[in-house]
């Protein structure tokens, strides 16, 4: 669904608490067309308040829509390691914000 985000002029990035080499492997494995950034020390995950929420020493799956000015306009924080928002829900939130 990446092209749907591009149609809306939305930039995507994934942030992983893996090191750079493992983040690159994830890009290769998934074929991600957007940047996958390494956050080895979990600084970004901690800043966004999603580090170790499940008491597993990693970032909890989460999605954020951040406005160009830097404001967080929408967030989804998973309740389990497999809990991620459906992409159509994220797109619906983007559509709501750009109207």
PDB file of N, CA and C in Angstrom:
ATOM      1  N   UNK A   1       0.809  -1.205   0.000  1.00  0.00           N
ATOM      2  CA  UNK A   1       0.000   0.000   0.000  1.00  0.00           C
ATOM      3  C   UNK A   1       0.851   1.267   0.000  1.00  0.00           C
ATOM      4  N   UNK A   2       2.158   1.097  -0.108  1.00  0.00           N
ATOM      5  CA  UNK A   2       3.055   2.250  -0.097  1.00  0.00           C
ATOM      6  C   UNK A   2       2.653   3.314  -1.124  1.00  0.00           C
ATOM      7  N   UNK A   3       2.273   2.921  -2.353  1.00  0.00           N
ATOM      8  CA  UNK A   3       1.864   3.948  -3.322  1.00  0.00           C
ATOM      9  C   UNK A   3       0.687   4.801  -2.844  1.00  0.00           C
ATOM     10  N   UNK A   4      -0.184   4.260  -2.016  1.00  0.00           N
ATOM     11  CA  UNK A   4      -1.309   5.034  -1.494  1.00  0.00           C
ATOM     12  C   UNK A   4      -0.821   6.173  -0.594  1.00  0.00           C
ATOM     13  N   UNK A   5       0.245   5.914   0.143  1.00  0.00           N
ATOM     14  CA  UNK A   5       0.821   6.975   0.973  1.00  0.00           C
ATOM     15  C   UNK A   5       1.468   8.039   0.089  1.00  0.00           C
ATOM     16  N   UNK A   6       2.176   7.589  -0.948  1.00  0.00           N
ATOM     17  CA  UNK A   6       2.827   8.533  -1.856  1.00  0.00           C
ATOM     18  C   UNK A   6       1.809   9.422  -2.559  1.00  0.00           C
ATOM     19  N   UNK A   7       0.650   8.853  -2.933  1.00  0.00           N
ATOM     20  CA  UNK A   7      -0.404   9.653  -3.571  1.00  0.00           C
ATOM     21  C   UNK A   7      -0.861  10.794  -2.670  1.00  0.00           C
ATOM     22  N   UNK A   8      -0.747  10.581  -1.373  1.00  0.00           N
ATOM     23  CA  UNK A   8      -1.186  11.576  -0.400  1.00  0.00           C
ATOM     24  C   UNK A   8      -0.040  12.490   0.040  1.00  0.00           C
ATOM     25  N   UNK A   9       1.121  12.340  -0.607  1.00  0.00           N
ATOM     26  CA  UNK A   9       2.307  13.129  -0.279  1.00  0.00           C
ATOM     27  C   UNK A   9       2.762  12.907   1.166  1.00  0.00           C
ATOM     28  N   UNK A  10       2.687  11.648   1.601  1.00  0.00           N
ATOM     29  CA  UNK A  10       3.061  11.272   2.963  1.00  0.00           C
ATOM     30  C   UNK A  10       4.377  10.507   2.919  1.00  0.00           C
ATOM     31  N   UNK A  11       5.303  10.876   3.761  1.00  0.00           N
ATOM     32  CA  UNK A  11       6.571  10.156   3.891  1.00  0.00           C
ATOM     33  C   UNK A  11       6.431   9.094   4.967  1.00  0.00           C
ATOM     34  N   UNK A  12       7.011   7.941   4.717  1.00  0.00           N
ATOM     35  CA  UNK A  12       7.004   6.854   5.692  1.00  0.00           C
ATOM     36  C   UNK A  12       8.419   6.546   6.122  1.00  0.00           C
ATOM     37  N   UNK A  13       8.563   6.111   7.351  1.00  0.00           N
ATOM     38  CA  UNK A  13       9.829   5.591   7.858  1.00  0.00           C
ATOM     39  C   UNK A  13       9.496   4.591   8.949  1.00  0.00           C
ATOM     40  N   UNK A  14      10.265   3.537   9.001  1.00  0.00           N
ATOM     41  CA  UNK A  14      10.162   2.573  10.097  1.00  0.00           C
ATOM     42  C   UNK A  14      11.389   2.762  10.964  1.00  0.00           C
ATOM     43  N   UNK A  15      11.203   2.623  12.250  1.00  0.00           N
ATOM     44  CA  UNK A  15      12.328   2.753  13.173  1.00  0.00           C
ATOM     45  C   UNK A  15      12.411   1.461  13.966  1.00  0.00           C
ATOM     46  N   UNK A  16      13.582   0.847  13.918  1.00  0.00           N
ATOM     47  CA  UNK A  16      13.810  -0.437  14.554  1.00  0.00           C
ATOM     48  C   UNK A  16      14.849  -0.293  15.656  1.00  0.00           C
ATOM     49  N   UNK A  17      14.662  -1.021  16.748  1.00  0.00           N
ATOM     50  CA  UNK A  17      15.680  -0.988  17.801  1.00  0.00           C
ATOM     51  C   UNK A  17      16.820  -1.951  17.497  1.00  0.00           C
ATOM     52  N   UNK A  18      16.863  -2.469  16.287  1.00  0.00           N
ATOM     53  CA  UNK A  18      17.989  -3.296  15.844  1.00  0.00           C
ATOM     54  C   UNK A  18      19.169  -2.402  15.471  1.00  0.00           C
ATOM     55  N   UNK A  19      20.327  -3.012  15.318  1.00  0.00           N
ATOM     56  CA  UNK A  19      21.464  -2.250  14.817  1.00  0.00           C
ATOM     57  C   UNK A  19      21.311  -2.060  13.307  1.00  0.00           C
ATOM     58  N   UNK A  20      22.205  -1.293  12.713  1.00  0.00           N
ATOM     59  CA  UNK A  20      22.103  -0.942  11.301  1.00  0.00           C
ATOM     60  C   UNK A  20      22.103  -2.174  10.401  1.00  0.00           C
ATOM     61  N   UNK A  21      22.967  -3.137  10.677  1.00  0.00           N
ATOM     62  CA  UNK A  21      23.046  -4.338   9.839  1.00  0.00           C
ATOM     63  C   UNK A  21      21.722  -5.113   9.876  1.00  0.00           C
ATOM     64  N   UNK A  22      21.128  -5.270  11.052  1.00  0.00           N
ATOM     65  CA  UNK A  22      19.864  -5.996  11.154  1.00  0.00           C
ATOM     66  C   UNK A  22      18.711  -5.205  10.541  1.00  0.00           C
ATOM     67  N   UNK A  23      18.746  -3.881  10.655  1.00  0.00           N
ATOM     68  CA  UNK A  23      17.712  -3.061  10.009  1.00  0.00           C
ATOM     69  C   UNK A  23      17.801  -3.210   8.493  1.00  0.00           C
ATOM     70  N   UNK A  24      19.016  -3.259   7.963  1.00  0.00           N
ATOM     71  CA  UNK A  24      19.208  -3.463   6.530  1.00  0.00           C
ATOM     72  C   UNK A  24      18.698  -4.838   6.112  1.00  0.00           C
ATOM     73  N   UNK A  25      18.942  -5.851   6.930  1.00  0.00           N
ATOM     74  CA  UNK A  25      18.421  -7.192   6.626  1.00  0.00           C
ATOM     75  C   UNK A  25      16.898  -7.174   6.571  1.00  0.00           C
ATOM     76  N   UNK A  26      16.268  -6.402   7.448  1.00  0.00           N
ATOM     77  CA  UNK A  26      14.811  -6.303   7.448  1.00  0.00           C
ATOM     78  C   UNK A  26      14.316  -5.663   6.157  1.00  0.00           C
ATOM     79  N   UNK A  27      15.015  -4.648   5.685  1.00  0.00           N
ATOM     80  CA  UNK A  27      14.656  -4.019   4.410  1.00  0.00           C
ATOM     81  C   UNK A  27      14.735  -5.054   3.292  1.00  0.00           C
ATOM     82  N   UNK A  28      15.815  -5.812   3.277  1.00  0.00           N
ATOM     83  CA  UNK A  28      15.993  -6.830   2.237  1.00  0.00           C
ATOM     84  C   UNK A  28      14.938  -7.924   2.342  1.00  0.00           C
ATOM     85  N   UNK A  29      14.630  -8.351   3.540  1.00  0.00           N
ATOM     86  CA  UNK A  29      13.655  -9.419   3.768  1.00  0.00           C
ATOM     87  C   UNK A  29      12.241  -8.995   3.368  1.00  0.00           C
ATOM     88  N   UNK A  30      11.861  -7.769   3.719  1.00  0.00           N
ATOM     89  CA  UNK A  30      10.493  -7.309   3.478  1.00  0.00           C
ATOM     90  C   UNK A  30      10.319  -6.592   2.147  1.00  0.00           C
ATOM     91  N   UNK A  31      11.429  -6.147   1.552  1.00  0.00           N
ATOM     92  CA  UNK A  31      11.324  -5.364   0.326  1.00  0.00           C
ATOM     93  C   UNK A  31      10.784  -3.965   0.578  1.00  0.00           C
ATOM     94  N   UNK A  32      10.972  -3.470   1.784  1.00  0.00           N
ATOM     95  CA  UNK A  32      10.467  -2.140   2.140  1.00  0.00           C
ATOM     96  C   UNK A  32      10.986  -1.100   1.152  1.00  0.00           C
ATOM     97  N   UNK A  33      10.085  -0.242   0.701  1.00  0.00           N
ATOM     98  CA  UNK A  33      10.437   0.813  -0.247  1.00  0.00           C
ATOM     99  C   UNK A  33      10.668   2.149   0.451  1.00  0.00           C
ATOM    100  N   UNK A  34      10.591   2.150   1.752  1.00  0.00           N
ATOM    101  CA  UNK A  34      10.756   3.362   2.548  1.00  0.00           C
ATOM    102  C   UNK A  34      11.911   3.126   3.515  1.00  0.00           C
ATOM    103  N   UNK A  35      12.445   4.186   4.097  1.00  0.00           N
ATOM    104  CA  UNK A  35      13.585   4.031   5.003  1.00  0.00           C
ATOM    105  C   UNK A  35      13.233   3.212   6.247  1.00  0.00           C
ATOM    106  N   UNK A  36      14.146   2.345   6.618  1.00  0.00           N
ATOM    107  CA  UNK A  36      14.085   1.633   7.894  1.00  0.00           C
ATOM    108  C   UNK A  36      15.309   2.093   8.669  1.00  0.00           C
ATOM    109  N   UNK A  37      15.081   2.816   9.747  1.00  0.00           N
ATOM    110  CA  UNK A  37      16.150   3.451  10.505  1.00  0.00           C
ATOM    111  C   UNK A  37      16.500   2.634  11.737  1.00  0.00           C
ATOM    112  N   UNK A  38      17.772   2.569  12.051  1.00  0.00           N
ATOM    113  CA  UNK A  38      18.245   1.844  13.225  1.00  0.00           C
ATOM    114  C   UNK A  38      18.241   2.756  14.446  1.00  0.00           C
ATOM    115  N   UNK A  39      17.688   2.260  15.516  1.00  0.00           N
ATOM    116  CA  UNK A  39      17.625   2.974  16.802  1.00  0.00           C
ATOM    117  C   UNK A  39      18.197   2.035  17.867  1.00  0.00           C
ATOM    118  N   UNK A  40      19.445   1.633  17.650  1.00  0.00           N
ATOM    119  CA  UNK A  40      20.084   0.598  18.465  1.00  0.00           C
ATOM    120  C   UNK A  40      19.985   0.859  19.968  1.00  0.00           C
ATOM    121  N   UNK A  41      20.123   2.093  20.373  1.00  0.00           N
ATOM    122  CA  UNK A  41      20.058   2.424  21.799  1.00  0.00           C
ATOM    123  C   UNK A  41      18.643   2.733  22.274  1.00  0.00           C
ATOM    124  N   UNK A  42      17.666   2.596  21.356  1.00  0.00           N
ATOM    125  CA  UNK A  42      16.246   2.807  21.648  1.00  0.00           C
ATOM    126  C   UNK A  42      15.940   4.242  22.090  1.00  0.00           C
ATOM    127  N   UNK A  43      16.780   5.184  21.721  1.00  0.00           N
ATOM    128  CA  UNK A  43      16.558   6.583  22.126  1.00  0.00           C
ATOM    129  C   UNK A  43      15.245   7.122  21.569  1.00  0.00           C
ATOM    130  N   UNK A  44      14.963   6.847  20.302  1.00  0.00           N
ATOM    131  CA  UNK A  44      13.724   7.330  19.696  1.00  0.00           C
ATOM    132  C   UNK A  44      12.527   6.624  20.312  1.00  0.00           C
ATOM    133  N   UNK A  45      12.627   5.312  20.478  1.00  0.00           N
ATOM    134  CA  UNK A  45      11.533   4.550  21.103  1.00  0.00           C
ATOM    135  C   UNK A  45      11.239   5.085  22.501  1.00  0.00           C
ATOM    136  N   UNK A  46      12.271   5.415  23.229  1.00  0.00           N
ATOM    137  CA  UNK A  46      12.075   5.977  24.577  1.00  0.00           C
ATOM    138  C   UNK A  46      11.440   7.362  24.501  1.00  0.00           C
ATOM    139  N   UNK A  47      11.914   8.200  23.561  1.00  0.00           N
ATOM    140  CA  UNK A  47      11.348   9.540  23.407  1.00  0.00           C
ATOM    141  C   UNK A  47       9.859   9.491  23.061  1.00  0.00           C
ATOM    142  N   UNK A  48       9.469   8.503  22.275  1.00  0.00           N
ATOM    143  CA  UNK A  48       8.065   8.364  21.881  1.00  0.00           C
ATOM    144  C   UNK A  48       7.256   7.563  22.898  1.00  0.00           C
ATOM    145  N   UNK A  49       7.889   7.107  23.948  1.00  0.00           N
ATOM    146  CA  UNK A  49       7.181   6.421  25.029  1.00  0.00           C
ATOM    147  C   UNK A  49       6.719   5.016  24.704  1.00  0.00           C
ATOM    148  N   UNK A  50       7.424   4.336  23.794  1.00  0.00           N
ATOM    149  CA  UNK A  50       6.993   2.986  23.420  1.00  0.00           C
ATOM    150  C   UNK A  50       8.047   1.913  23.729  1.00  0.00           C
ATOM    151  N   UNK A  51       9.061   2.281  24.475  1.00  0.00           N
ATOM    152  CA  UNK A  51      10.103   1.309  24.794  1.00  0.00           C
ATOM    153  C   UNK A  51       9.712   0.465  26.005  1.00  0.00           C
ATOM    154  N   UNK A  52       9.804  -0.836  25.848  1.00  0.00           N
ATOM    155  CA  UNK A  52       9.652  -1.818  26.923  1.00  0.00           C
ATOM    156  C   UNK A  52       8.272  -1.791  27.598  1.00  0.00           C
ATOM    157  N   UNK A  53       7.258  -1.340  26.903  1.00  0.00           N
ATOM    158  CA  UNK A  53       5.911  -1.328  27.483  1.00  0.00           C
ATOM    159  C   UNK A  53       5.391  -2.742  27.756  1.00  0.00           C
ATOM    160  N   UNK A  54       5.891  -3.705  26.967  1.00  0.00           N
ATOM    161  CA  UNK A  54       5.458  -5.100  27.130  1.00  0.00           C
ATOM    162  C   UNK A  54       6.444  -5.895  27.984  1.00  0.00           C
ATOM    163  N   UNK A  55       7.394  -5.177  28.591  1.00  0.00           N
ATOM    164  CA  UNK A  55       8.406  -5.788  29.466  1.00  0.00           C
ATOM    165  C   UNK A  55       9.227  -6.852  28.737  1.00  0.00           C
ATOM    166  N   UNK A  56       9.598  -6.518  27.483  1.00  0.00           N
ATOM    167  CA  UNK A  56      10.387  -7.447  26.680  1.00  0.00           C
ATOM    168  C   UNK A  56      11.699  -6.840  26.188  1.00  0.00           C
ATOM    169  N   UNK A  57      12.019  -5.636  26.657  1.00  0.00           N
ATOM    170  CA  UNK A  57      13.294  -5.016  26.331  1.00  0.00           C
ATOM    171  C   UNK A  57      13.409  -4.471  24.920  1.00  0.00           C
ATOM    172  N   UNK A  58      12.287  -4.327  24.227  1.00  0.00           N
ATOM    173  CA  UNK A  58      12.297  -3.748  22.880  1.00  0.00           C
ATOM    174  C   UNK A  58      11.152  -2.747  22.769  1.00  0.00           C
ATOM    175  N   UNK A  59      11.093  -2.081  21.641  1.00  0.00           N
ATOM    176  CA  UNK A  59      10.005  -1.131  21.406  1.00  0.00           C
ATOM    177  C   UNK A  59       8.714  -1.896  21.136  1.00  0.00           C
ATOM    178  N   UNK A  60       7.645  -1.408  21.683  1.00  0.00           N
ATOM    179  CA  UNK A  60       6.319  -1.958  21.406  1.00  0.00           C
ATOM    180  C   UNK A  60       5.920  -1.529  19.993  1.00  0.00           C
ATOM    181  N   UNK A  61       5.305  -2.421  19.227  1.00  0.00           N
ATOM    182  CA  UNK A  61       4.855  -2.001  17.896  1.00  0.00           C
ATOM    183  C   UNK A  61       3.948  -0.772  18.011  1.00  0.00           C
ATOM    184  N   UNK A  62       4.231   0.216  17.198  1.00  0.00           N
ATOM    185  CA  UNK A  62       3.463   1.460  17.256  1.00  0.00           C
ATOM    186  C   UNK A  62       3.525   2.152  15.907  1.00  0.00           C
ATOM    187  N   UNK A  63       2.539   2.996  15.664  1.00  0.00           N
ATOM    188  CA  UNK A  63       2.514   3.828  14.461  1.00  0.00           C
ATOM    189  C   UNK A  63       2.166   5.252  14.888  1.00  0.00           C
ATOM    190  N   UNK A  64       2.830   6.199  14.279  1.00  0.00           N
ATOM    191  CA  UNK A  64       2.603   7.614  14.581  1.00  0.00           C
ATOM    192  C   UNK A  64       2.425   8.363  13.278  1.00  0.00           C
ATOM    193  N   UNK A  65       1.504   9.313  13.285  1.00  0.00           N
ATOM    194  CA  UNK A  65       1.421  10.285  12.200  1.00  0.00           C
ATOM    195  C   UNK A  65       1.922  11.592  12.783  1.00  0.00           C
ATOM    196  N   UNK A  66       3.006  12.077  12.185  1.00  0.00           N
ATOM    197  CA  UNK A  66       3.644  13.296  12.661  1.00  0.00           C
ATOM    198  C   UNK A  66       3.476  14.367  11.587  1.00  0.00           C
ATOM    199  N   UNK A  67       2.910  15.488  11.986  1.00  0.00           N
ATOM    200  CA  UNK A  67       2.697  16.605  11.063  1.00  0.00           C
ATOM    201  C   UNK A  67       4.043  17.224  10.680  1.00  0.00           C
ATOM    202  N   UNK A  68       4.066  17.954   9.563  1.00  0.00           N
ATOM    203  CA  UNK A  68       5.317  18.589   9.147  1.00  0.00           C
ATOM    204  C   UNK A  68       5.954  19.462  10.224  1.00  0.00           C
ATOM    205  N   UNK A  69       5.128  20.054  11.107  1.00  0.00           N
ATOM    206  CA  UNK A  69       5.689  20.892  12.175  1.00  0.00           C
ATOM    207  C   UNK A  69       6.260  20.079  13.315  1.00  0.00           C
ATOM    208  N   UNK A  70       6.050  18.758  13.289  1.00  0.00           N
ATOM    209  CA  UNK A  70       6.585  17.898  14.334  1.00  0.00           C
ATOM    210  C   UNK A  70       5.575  17.443  15.372  1.00  0.00           C
ATOM    211  N   UNK A  71       4.336  17.909  15.278  1.00  0.00           N
ATOM    212  CA  UNK A  71       3.301  17.489  16.228  1.00  0.00           C
ATOM    213  C   UNK A  71       2.824  16.078  15.920  1.00  0.00           C
ATOM    214  N   UNK A  72       2.636  15.281  16.952  1.00  0.00           N
ATOM    215  CA  UNK A  72       2.046  13.956  16.767  1.00  0.00           C
ATOM    216  C   UNK A  72       0.542  14.154  16.644  1.00  0.00           C
ATOM    217  N   UNK A  73       0.005  13.799  15.486  1.00  0.00           N
ATOM    218  CA  UNK A  73      -1.415  14.004  15.191  1.00  0.00           C
ATOM    219  C   UNK A  73      -2.248  12.759  15.475  1.00  0.00           C
ATOM    220  N   UNK A  74      -1.634  11.596  15.466  1.00  0.00           N
ATOM    221  CA  UNK A  74      -2.333  10.334  15.708  1.00  0.00           C
ATOM    222  C   UNK A  74      -1.301   9.300  16.126  1.00  0.00           C
ATOM    223  N   UNK A  75      -1.715   8.391  16.983  1.00  0.00           N
ATOM    224  CA  UNK A  75      -0.809   7.322  17.401  1.00  0.00           C
ATOM    225  C   UNK A  75      -1.595   6.044  17.627  1.00  0.00           C
ATOM    226  N   UNK A  76      -0.921   4.956  17.418  1.00  0.00           N
ATOM    227  CA  UNK A  76      -1.462   3.630  17.727  1.00  0.00           C
ATOM    228  C   UNK A  76      -0.338   2.872  18.407  1.00  0.00           C
ATOM    229  N   UNK A  77      -0.576   2.410  19.612  1.00  0.00           N
ATOM    230  CA  UNK A  77       0.430   1.653  20.362  1.00  0.00           C
ATOM    231  C   UNK A  77      -0.138   0.269  20.588  1.00  0.00           C
ATOM    232  N   UNK A  78       0.588  -0.739  20.117  1.00  0.00           N
ATOM    233  CA  UNK A  78       0.128  -2.116  20.207  1.00  0.00           C
ATOM    234  C   UNK A  78       0.025  -2.611  21.640  1.00  0.00           C
ATOM    235  N   UNK A  79      -0.868  -3.559  21.817  1.00  0.00           N
ATOM    236  CA  UNK A  79      -1.053  -4.172  23.133  1.00  0.00           C
ATOM    237  C   UNK A  79      -0.340  -5.523  23.237  1.00  0.00           C
ATOM    238  N   UNK A  80       0.260  -5.967  22.123  1.00  0.00           N
ATOM    239  CA  UNK A  80       1.059  -7.192  22.100  1.00  0.00           C
ATOM    240  C   UNK A  80       2.097  -7.046  20.993  1.00  0.00           C
ATOM    241  N   UNK A  81       3.032  -7.981  20.934  1.00  0.00           N
ATOM    242  CA  UNK A  81       4.107  -7.904  19.943  1.00  0.00           C
ATOM    243  C   UNK A  81       3.572  -7.985  18.508  1.00  0.00           C
ATOM    244  N   UNK A  82       2.410  -8.586  18.331  1.00  0.00           N
ATOM    245  CA  UNK A  82       1.838  -8.733  16.989  1.00  0.00           C
ATOM    246  C   UNK A  82       0.753  -7.699  16.690  1.00  0.00           C
ATOM    247  N   UNK A  83       0.466  -6.805  17.619  1.00  0.00           N
ATOM    248  CA  UNK A  83      -0.627  -5.846  17.469  1.00  0.00           C
ATOM    249  C   UNK A  83      -0.146  -4.610  16.720  1.00  0.00           C
ATOM    250  N   UNK A  84      -0.562  -4.530  15.481  1.00  0.00           N
ATOM    251  CA  UNK A  84      -0.225  -3.379  14.640  1.00  0.00           C
ATOM    252  C   UNK A  84      -1.501  -2.873  13.982  1.00  0.00           C
ATOM    253  N   UNK A  85      -1.592  -1.579  13.715  1.00  0.00           N
ATOM    254  CA  UNK A  85      -2.821  -1.079  13.086  1.00  0.00           C
ATOM    255  C   UNK A  85      -2.891  -1.517  11.626  1.00  0.00           C
ATOM    256  N   UNK A  86      -4.093  -1.804  11.145  1.00  0.00           N
ATOM    257  CA  UNK A  86      -4.238  -2.107   9.716  1.00  0.00           C
ATOM    258  C   UNK A  86      -3.833  -0.879   8.889  1.00  0.00           C
ATOM    259  N   UNK A  87      -3.200  -1.120   7.759  1.00  0.00           N
ATOM    260  CA  UNK A  87      -2.763  -0.007   6.913  1.00  0.00           C
ATOM    261  C   UNK A  87      -3.928   0.860   6.454  1.00  0.00           C
ATOM    262  N   UNK A  88      -5.095   0.248   6.216  1.00  0.00           N
ATOM    263  CA  UNK A  88      -6.228   1.064   5.797  1.00  0.00           C
ATOM    264  C   UNK A  88      -6.686   1.997   6.920  1.00  0.00           C
ATOM    265  N   UNK A  89      -6.476   1.607   8.166  1.00  0.00           N
ATOM    266  CA  UNK A  89      -6.803   2.500   9.285  1.00  0.00           C
ATOM    267  C   UNK A  89      -5.835   3.690   9.322  1.00  0.00           C
ATOM    268  N   UNK A  90      -4.568   3.423   9.081  1.00  0.00           N
ATOM    269  CA  UNK A  90      -3.590   4.514   9.048  1.00  0.00           C
ATOM    270  C   UNK A  90      -3.936   5.473   7.906  1.00  0.00           C
ATOM    271  N   UNK A  91      -4.254   4.916   6.734  1.00  0.00           N
ATOM    272  CA  UNK A  91      -4.622   5.773   5.600  1.00  0.00           C
ATOM    273  C   UNK A  91      -5.879   6.591   5.901  1.00  0.00           C
ATOM    274  N   UNK A  92      -6.848   5.994   6.578  1.00  0.00           N
ATOM    275  CA  UNK A  92      -8.060   6.734   6.948  1.00  0.00           C
ATOM    276  C   UNK A  92      -7.716   7.899   7.864  1.00  0.00           C
ATOM    277  N   UNK A  93      -6.777   7.697   8.782  1.00  0.00           N
ATOM    278  CA  UNK A  93      -6.359   8.780   9.676  1.00  0.00           C
ATOM    279  C   UNK A  93      -5.629   9.869   8.895  1.00  0.00           C
ATOM    280  N   UNK A  94      -4.797   9.456   7.940  1.00  0.00           N
ATOM    281  CA  UNK A  94      -4.111  10.440   7.095  1.00  0.00           C
ATOM    282  C   UNK A  94      -5.147  11.263   6.330  1.00  0.00           C
ATOM    283  N   UNK A  95      -6.115  10.570   5.739  1.00  0.00           N
ATOM    284  CA  UNK A  95      -7.156  11.280   4.980  1.00  0.00           C
ATOM    285  C   UNK A  95      -7.913  12.261   5.859  1.00  0.00           C
ATOM    286  N   UNK A  96      -8.216  11.855   7.079  1.00  0.00           N
ATOM    287  CA  UNK A  96      -8.933  12.731   8.018  1.00  0.00           C
ATOM    288  C   UNK A  96      -8.109  13.998   8.289  1.00  0.00           C
ATOM    289  N   UNK A  97      -6.814  13.831   8.412  1.00  0.00           N
ATOM    290  CA  UNK A  97      -5.956  14.969   8.767  1.00  0.00           C
ATOM    291  C   UNK A  97      -5.670  15.907   7.603  1.00  0.00           C
ATOM    292  N   UNK A  98      -5.690  15.388   6.382  1.00  0.00           N
ATOM    293  CA  UNK A  98      -5.338  16.255   5.240  1.00  0.00           C
ATOM    294  C   UNK A  98      -6.551  16.912   4.613  1.00  0.00           C
ATOM    295  N   UNK A  99      -7.730  16.604   5.104  1.00  0.00           N
ATOM    296  CA  UNK A  99      -8.938  17.239   4.547  1.00  0.00           C
ATOM    297  C   UNK A  99      -9.175  18.586   5.156  1.00  0.00           C
TER     298      UNK A  99
END
